[in-house]
């Protein structure tokens, strides 16, 4: 007759120190990164002219995935780009550590 494993191996919850491990009590590591960026020419109202390329990005596979998996709102920043005499627009969002790994494997930093 085969020996069965001791009962205590199956009945104990996972513990870290003296606390029970719960999904709600463990903080999720997050990463804030630039999800997309593009360059615009010198325009009169950069916020208005940035709307169309942002909308076009939201309709791509990458944009849809980012909109669904971002932990908070995706924000965009507009800065002057002196090299191209225009503006640089960057979309910045926060992803969980696991989603960040997926993002880097799928699209990477090119």
N, C-alpha and C. Protein backbone atom coordinates (compact mmCIF):
# COMPACT_ATOMS: atom_id res chain seq x y z
N UNK A 1 0.84 -1.18 0.00
CA UNK A 1 0.00 0.00 0.00
C UNK A 1 0.89 1.24 0.00
N UNK A 2 0.59 2.19 -0.89
CA UNK A 2 1.38 3.42 -1.00
C UNK A 2 1.07 4.36 0.16
N UNK A 3 2.09 5.05 0.58
CA UNK A 3 1.90 6.01 1.67
C UNK A 3 1.29 7.30 1.11
N UNK A 4 0.32 7.83 1.80
CA UNK A 4 -0.26 9.10 1.38
C UNK A 4 0.56 10.25 1.95
N UNK A 5 0.47 11.41 1.28
CA UNK A 5 1.21 12.58 1.75
C UNK A 5 0.56 13.10 3.01
N UNK A 6 1.35 13.70 3.89
CA UNK A 6 0.77 14.24 5.13
C UNK A 6 -0.33 15.26 4.82
N UNK A 7 -1.36 15.27 5.64
CA UNK A 7 -2.51 16.13 5.44
C UNK A 7 -2.14 17.61 5.53
N UNK A 8 -1.15 17.97 6.31
CA UNK A 8 -0.81 19.38 6.51
C UNK A 8 -0.31 20.04 5.23
N UNK A 9 0.17 19.29 4.26
CA UNK A 9 0.66 19.89 3.02
C UNK A 9 -0.46 20.48 2.17
N UNK A 10 -1.68 20.04 2.34
CA UNK A 10 -2.78 20.49 1.52
C UNK A 10 -3.71 21.47 2.20
N UNK A 11 -3.72 21.52 3.52
CA UNK A 11 -4.68 22.33 4.24
C UNK A 11 -4.19 23.74 4.58
N UNK A 12 -2.92 23.98 4.49
CA UNK A 12 -2.38 25.28 4.91
C UNK A 12 -2.50 26.30 3.79
N UNK A 13 -2.94 27.52 4.10
CA UNK A 13 -2.95 28.58 3.08
C UNK A 13 -1.54 29.09 2.85
N UNK A 14 -1.33 29.72 1.71
CA UNK A 14 -0.04 30.34 1.44
C UNK A 14 0.15 31.51 2.39
N UNK A 15 1.32 31.61 2.97
CA UNK A 15 1.57 32.67 3.94
C UNK A 15 2.87 33.39 3.60
N UNK A 16 2.86 34.67 3.88
CA UNK A 16 4.08 35.47 3.84
C UNK A 16 4.22 36.02 5.25
N UNK A 17 5.20 35.56 5.96
CA UNK A 17 5.30 35.93 7.37
C UNK A 17 4.15 35.31 8.13
N UNK A 18 3.37 36.13 8.82
CA UNK A 18 2.24 35.62 9.59
C UNK A 18 0.90 35.97 8.96
N UNK A 19 0.91 36.59 7.75
CA UNK A 19 -0.34 37.00 7.11
C UNK A 19 -0.71 36.03 6.02
N UNK A 20 -2.00 35.95 5.72
CA UNK A 20 -2.47 35.18 4.57
C UNK A 20 -2.25 36.00 3.31
N UNK A 21 -1.91 35.34 2.24
CA UNK A 21 -1.71 36.01 0.96
C UNK A 21 -3.05 36.17 0.27
N UNK A 22 -3.46 37.40 0.06
CA UNK A 22 -4.71 37.70 -0.64
C UNK A 22 -4.39 38.59 -1.82
N UNK A 23 -5.15 38.42 -2.85
CA UNK A 23 -4.92 39.22 -4.05
C UNK A 23 -5.11 40.70 -3.78
N UNK A 24 -6.05 41.06 -2.91
CA UNK A 24 -6.32 42.46 -2.65
C UNK A 24 -5.27 43.11 -1.76
N UNK A 25 -4.54 42.30 -0.96
CA UNK A 25 -3.57 42.88 -0.04
C UNK A 25 -2.19 43.03 -0.67
N UNK A 26 -1.98 42.44 -1.83
CA UNK A 26 -0.68 42.50 -2.48
C UNK A 26 -0.71 43.61 -3.52
N UNK A 27 0.14 44.65 -3.39
CA UNK A 27 0.13 45.72 -4.38
C UNK A 27 0.68 45.23 -5.72
N UNK A 28 0.07 45.69 -6.79
CA UNK A 28 0.51 45.33 -8.13
C UNK A 28 1.58 46.30 -8.59
N UNK A 29 2.75 45.81 -9.00
CA UNK A 29 3.77 46.72 -9.52
C UNK A 29 3.30 47.36 -10.82
N UNK A 30 3.56 48.64 -10.97
CA UNK A 30 3.13 49.37 -12.17
C UNK A 30 4.31 50.04 -12.84
N UNK A 31 4.14 50.31 -14.12
CA UNK A 31 5.17 50.98 -14.91
C UNK A 31 4.50 52.09 -15.70
N UNK A 32 5.05 53.29 -15.61
CA UNK A 32 4.56 54.42 -16.39
C UNK A 32 5.48 54.58 -17.59
N UNK A 33 4.90 54.57 -18.79
CA UNK A 33 5.74 54.64 -19.97
C UNK A 33 5.03 55.36 -21.11
N UNK A 34 5.83 55.73 -22.10
CA UNK A 34 5.31 56.36 -23.30
C UNK A 34 4.77 55.27 -24.21
N UNK A 35 3.47 55.32 -24.46
CA UNK A 35 2.83 54.30 -25.28
C UNK A 35 2.95 54.60 -26.77
N UNK A 36 2.95 55.88 -27.12
CA UNK A 36 3.03 56.27 -28.53
C UNK A 36 3.49 57.73 -28.59
N UNK A 37 4.21 58.06 -29.64
CA UNK A 37 4.58 59.47 -29.85
C UNK A 37 4.68 59.75 -31.34
N UNK A 38 4.46 61.00 -31.68
CA UNK A 38 4.55 61.42 -33.07
C UNK A 38 4.93 62.89 -33.12
N UNK A 39 5.31 63.32 -34.33
CA UNK A 39 5.76 64.69 -34.55
C UNK A 39 4.76 65.40 -35.45
N UNK A 40 4.45 66.64 -35.10
CA UNK A 40 3.59 67.50 -35.94
C UNK A 40 4.41 68.68 -36.40
N UNK A 41 3.99 69.25 -37.50
CA UNK A 41 4.63 70.46 -37.98
C UNK A 41 4.22 71.66 -37.14
N UNK A 42 4.68 72.82 -37.53
CA UNK A 42 4.34 74.04 -36.83
C UNK A 42 2.90 74.42 -37.16
N UNK A 43 2.02 74.32 -36.18
CA UNK A 43 0.59 74.59 -36.39
C UNK A 43 0.15 75.66 -35.40
N UNK A 44 -0.99 76.24 -35.69
CA UNK A 44 -1.49 77.32 -34.84
C UNK A 44 -2.04 76.80 -33.51
N UNK A 45 -2.78 75.69 -33.54
CA UNK A 45 -3.38 75.13 -32.33
C UNK A 45 -2.98 73.65 -32.23
N UNK A 46 -1.88 73.33 -31.51
CA UNK A 46 -1.38 71.95 -31.49
C UNK A 46 -2.35 70.96 -30.84
N UNK A 47 -3.13 71.41 -29.85
CA UNK A 47 -4.09 70.49 -29.22
C UNK A 47 -5.16 70.05 -30.22
N UNK A 48 -5.61 70.96 -31.05
CA UNK A 48 -6.63 70.65 -32.05
C UNK A 48 -6.07 69.72 -33.13
N UNK A 49 -4.87 70.00 -33.60
CA UNK A 49 -4.28 69.20 -34.66
C UNK A 49 -3.79 67.83 -34.17
N UNK A 50 -3.59 67.68 -32.87
CA UNK A 50 -3.16 66.38 -32.32
C UNK A 50 -4.32 65.40 -32.21
N UNK A 51 -5.55 65.88 -32.27
CA UNK A 51 -6.72 65.01 -32.07
C UNK A 51 -6.83 63.93 -33.14
N UNK A 52 -6.61 64.25 -34.38
CA UNK A 52 -6.77 63.27 -35.46
C UNK A 52 -5.74 62.14 -35.39
N UNK A 53 -4.44 62.43 -35.22
CA UNK A 53 -3.50 61.32 -35.09
C UNK A 53 -3.72 60.47 -33.83
N UNK A 54 -4.18 61.10 -32.75
CA UNK A 54 -4.48 60.33 -31.54
C UNK A 54 -5.65 59.39 -31.79
N UNK A 55 -6.68 59.90 -32.45
CA UNK A 55 -7.84 59.06 -32.78
C UNK A 55 -7.44 57.91 -33.71
N UNK A 56 -6.61 58.20 -34.69
CA UNK A 56 -6.14 57.15 -35.61
C UNK A 56 -5.36 56.08 -34.85
N UNK A 57 -4.54 56.49 -33.89
CA UNK A 57 -3.78 55.53 -33.08
C UNK A 57 -4.73 54.69 -32.23
N UNK A 58 -5.79 55.28 -31.70
CA UNK A 58 -6.74 54.53 -30.88
C UNK A 58 -7.45 53.45 -31.68
N UNK A 59 -7.53 53.58 -32.99
CA UNK A 59 -8.21 52.59 -33.82
C UNK A 59 -7.30 51.44 -34.24
N UNK A 60 -6.00 51.53 -33.96
CA UNK A 60 -5.07 50.44 -34.29
C UNK A 60 -5.14 49.36 -33.22
N UNK A 61 -4.53 48.21 -33.52
CA UNK A 61 -4.50 47.11 -32.54
C UNK A 61 -3.77 47.54 -31.26
N UNK A 62 -2.65 48.21 -31.44
CA UNK A 62 -1.86 48.68 -30.29
C UNK A 62 -2.66 49.69 -29.47
N UNK A 63 -3.32 50.62 -30.11
CA UNK A 63 -4.09 51.63 -29.41
C UNK A 63 -5.27 51.04 -28.65
N UNK A 64 -5.99 50.12 -29.28
CA UNK A 64 -7.12 49.48 -28.61
C UNK A 64 -6.65 48.70 -27.39
N UNK A 65 -5.54 47.98 -27.53
CA UNK A 65 -5.02 47.21 -26.40
C UNK A 65 -4.61 48.14 -25.26
N UNK A 66 -3.94 49.23 -25.58
CA UNK A 66 -3.51 50.18 -24.55
C UNK A 66 -4.70 50.82 -23.84
N UNK A 67 -5.73 51.17 -24.61
CA UNK A 67 -6.92 51.79 -24.01
C UNK A 67 -7.63 50.83 -23.05
N UNK A 68 -7.62 49.53 -23.36
CA UNK A 68 -8.28 48.54 -22.51
C UNK A 68 -7.46 48.19 -21.28
N UNK A 69 -6.14 48.17 -21.40
CA UNK A 69 -5.29 47.65 -20.33
C UNK A 69 -4.59 48.71 -19.49
N UNK A 70 -4.73 49.98 -19.83
CA UNK A 70 -4.12 51.04 -19.02
C UNK A 70 -4.83 51.10 -17.67
N UNK A 71 -4.06 51.29 -16.61
CA UNK A 71 -4.63 51.30 -15.27
C UNK A 71 -5.35 52.61 -14.95
N UNK A 72 -4.95 53.68 -15.57
CA UNK A 72 -5.64 54.96 -15.39
C UNK A 72 -5.77 55.60 -16.77
N UNK A 73 -6.21 56.83 -16.79
CA UNK A 73 -6.39 57.51 -18.08
C UNK A 73 -5.06 57.71 -18.78
N UNK A 74 -5.07 57.54 -20.08
CA UNK A 74 -3.88 57.83 -20.88
C UNK A 74 -3.86 59.33 -21.13
N UNK A 75 -2.73 59.95 -20.84
CA UNK A 75 -2.60 61.41 -20.99
C UNK A 75 -1.66 61.70 -22.16
N UNK A 76 -1.85 62.85 -22.77
CA UNK A 76 -0.92 63.23 -23.83
C UNK A 76 -0.26 64.56 -23.47
N UNK A 77 1.00 64.67 -23.84
CA UNK A 77 1.81 65.84 -23.57
C UNK A 77 2.34 66.39 -24.89
N UNK A 78 2.31 67.70 -25.03
CA UNK A 78 2.79 68.36 -26.24
C UNK A 78 3.97 69.24 -25.86
N UNK A 79 5.10 69.00 -26.52
CA UNK A 79 6.29 69.82 -26.29
C UNK A 79 6.81 70.31 -27.63
N UNK A 80 7.59 71.37 -27.59
CA UNK A 80 8.18 71.88 -28.82
C UNK A 80 9.32 70.98 -29.25
N UNK A 81 9.40 70.75 -30.54
CA UNK A 81 10.47 69.94 -31.11
C UNK A 81 11.32 70.86 -31.98
N UNK A 82 12.42 71.32 -31.44
CA UNK A 82 13.25 72.30 -32.14
C UNK A 82 13.99 71.67 -33.33
N UNK A 83 14.20 70.39 -33.30
CA UNK A 83 14.90 69.73 -34.39
C UNK A 83 14.07 69.72 -35.67
N UNK A 84 12.74 69.57 -35.53
CA UNK A 84 11.86 69.51 -36.69
C UNK A 84 10.99 70.77 -36.85
N UNK A 85 11.25 71.78 -36.04
CA UNK A 85 10.49 73.04 -36.09
C UNK A 85 8.99 72.81 -35.98
N UNK A 86 8.60 72.04 -34.97
CA UNK A 86 7.19 71.75 -34.77
C UNK A 86 6.93 71.31 -33.34
N UNK A 87 6.11 70.31 -33.19
CA UNK A 87 5.72 69.81 -31.88
C UNK A 87 5.88 68.29 -31.84
N UNK A 88 6.19 67.78 -30.67
CA UNK A 88 6.24 66.34 -30.41
C UNK A 88 5.12 66.03 -29.43
N UNK A 89 4.30 65.03 -29.76
CA UNK A 89 3.19 64.61 -28.91
C UNK A 89 3.50 63.22 -28.38
N UNK A 90 3.38 63.05 -27.06
CA UNK A 90 3.64 61.76 -26.42
C UNK A 90 2.42 61.34 -25.63
N UNK A 91 1.97 60.11 -25.83
CA UNK A 91 0.86 59.54 -25.06
C UNK A 91 1.47 58.67 -23.97
N UNK A 92 1.15 58.98 -22.73
CA UNK A 92 1.76 58.33 -21.57
C UNK A 92 0.67 57.64 -20.76
N UNK A 93 0.95 56.41 -20.36
CA UNK A 93 -0.01 55.65 -19.55
C UNK A 93 0.70 54.76 -18.55
N UNK A 94 -0.07 54.21 -17.64
CA UNK A 94 0.45 53.31 -16.62
C UNK A 94 -0.08 51.91 -16.87
N UNK A 95 0.83 50.94 -16.92
CA UNK A 95 0.47 49.55 -17.12
C UNK A 95 0.94 48.73 -15.93
N UNK A 96 0.27 47.61 -15.70
CA UNK A 96 0.75 46.69 -14.67
C UNK A 96 2.04 46.06 -15.17
N UNK A 97 2.77 45.44 -14.28
CA UNK A 97 4.06 44.85 -14.62
C UNK A 97 3.89 43.76 -15.68
N UNK A 98 2.85 42.96 -15.56
CA UNK A 98 2.60 41.88 -16.52
C UNK A 98 2.22 42.46 -17.88
N UNK A 99 1.35 43.48 -17.89
CA UNK A 99 0.96 44.11 -19.15
C UNK A 99 2.14 44.83 -19.80
N UNK A 100 3.02 45.39 -18.99
CA UNK A 100 4.21 46.05 -19.54
C UNK A 100 5.10 45.04 -20.26
N UNK A 101 5.26 43.86 -19.67
CA UNK A 101 6.05 42.81 -20.32
C UNK A 101 5.43 42.41 -21.65
N UNK A 102 4.11 42.23 -21.67
CA UNK A 102 3.42 41.89 -22.92
C UNK A 102 3.61 42.99 -23.95
N UNK A 103 3.46 44.26 -23.52
CA UNK A 103 3.61 45.41 -24.42
C UNK A 103 5.00 45.42 -25.05
N UNK A 104 6.03 45.20 -24.25
CA UNK A 104 7.40 45.23 -24.76
C UNK A 104 7.67 44.05 -25.69
N UNK A 105 7.10 42.88 -25.39
CA UNK A 105 7.32 41.73 -26.26
C UNK A 105 6.57 41.90 -27.60
N UNK A 106 5.38 42.45 -27.54
CA UNK A 106 4.57 42.56 -28.76
C UNK A 106 5.03 43.72 -29.64
N UNK A 107 5.22 44.92 -29.04
CA UNK A 107 5.53 46.09 -29.86
C UNK A 107 6.93 46.62 -29.61
N UNK A 108 7.49 46.41 -28.43
CA UNK A 108 8.86 46.82 -28.13
C UNK A 108 9.10 48.30 -28.34
N UNK A 109 10.31 48.71 -28.09
CA UNK A 109 10.68 50.11 -28.34
C UNK A 109 11.49 50.14 -29.63
N UNK A 110 10.87 50.62 -30.68
CA UNK A 110 11.51 50.61 -31.99
C UNK A 110 12.14 51.93 -32.29
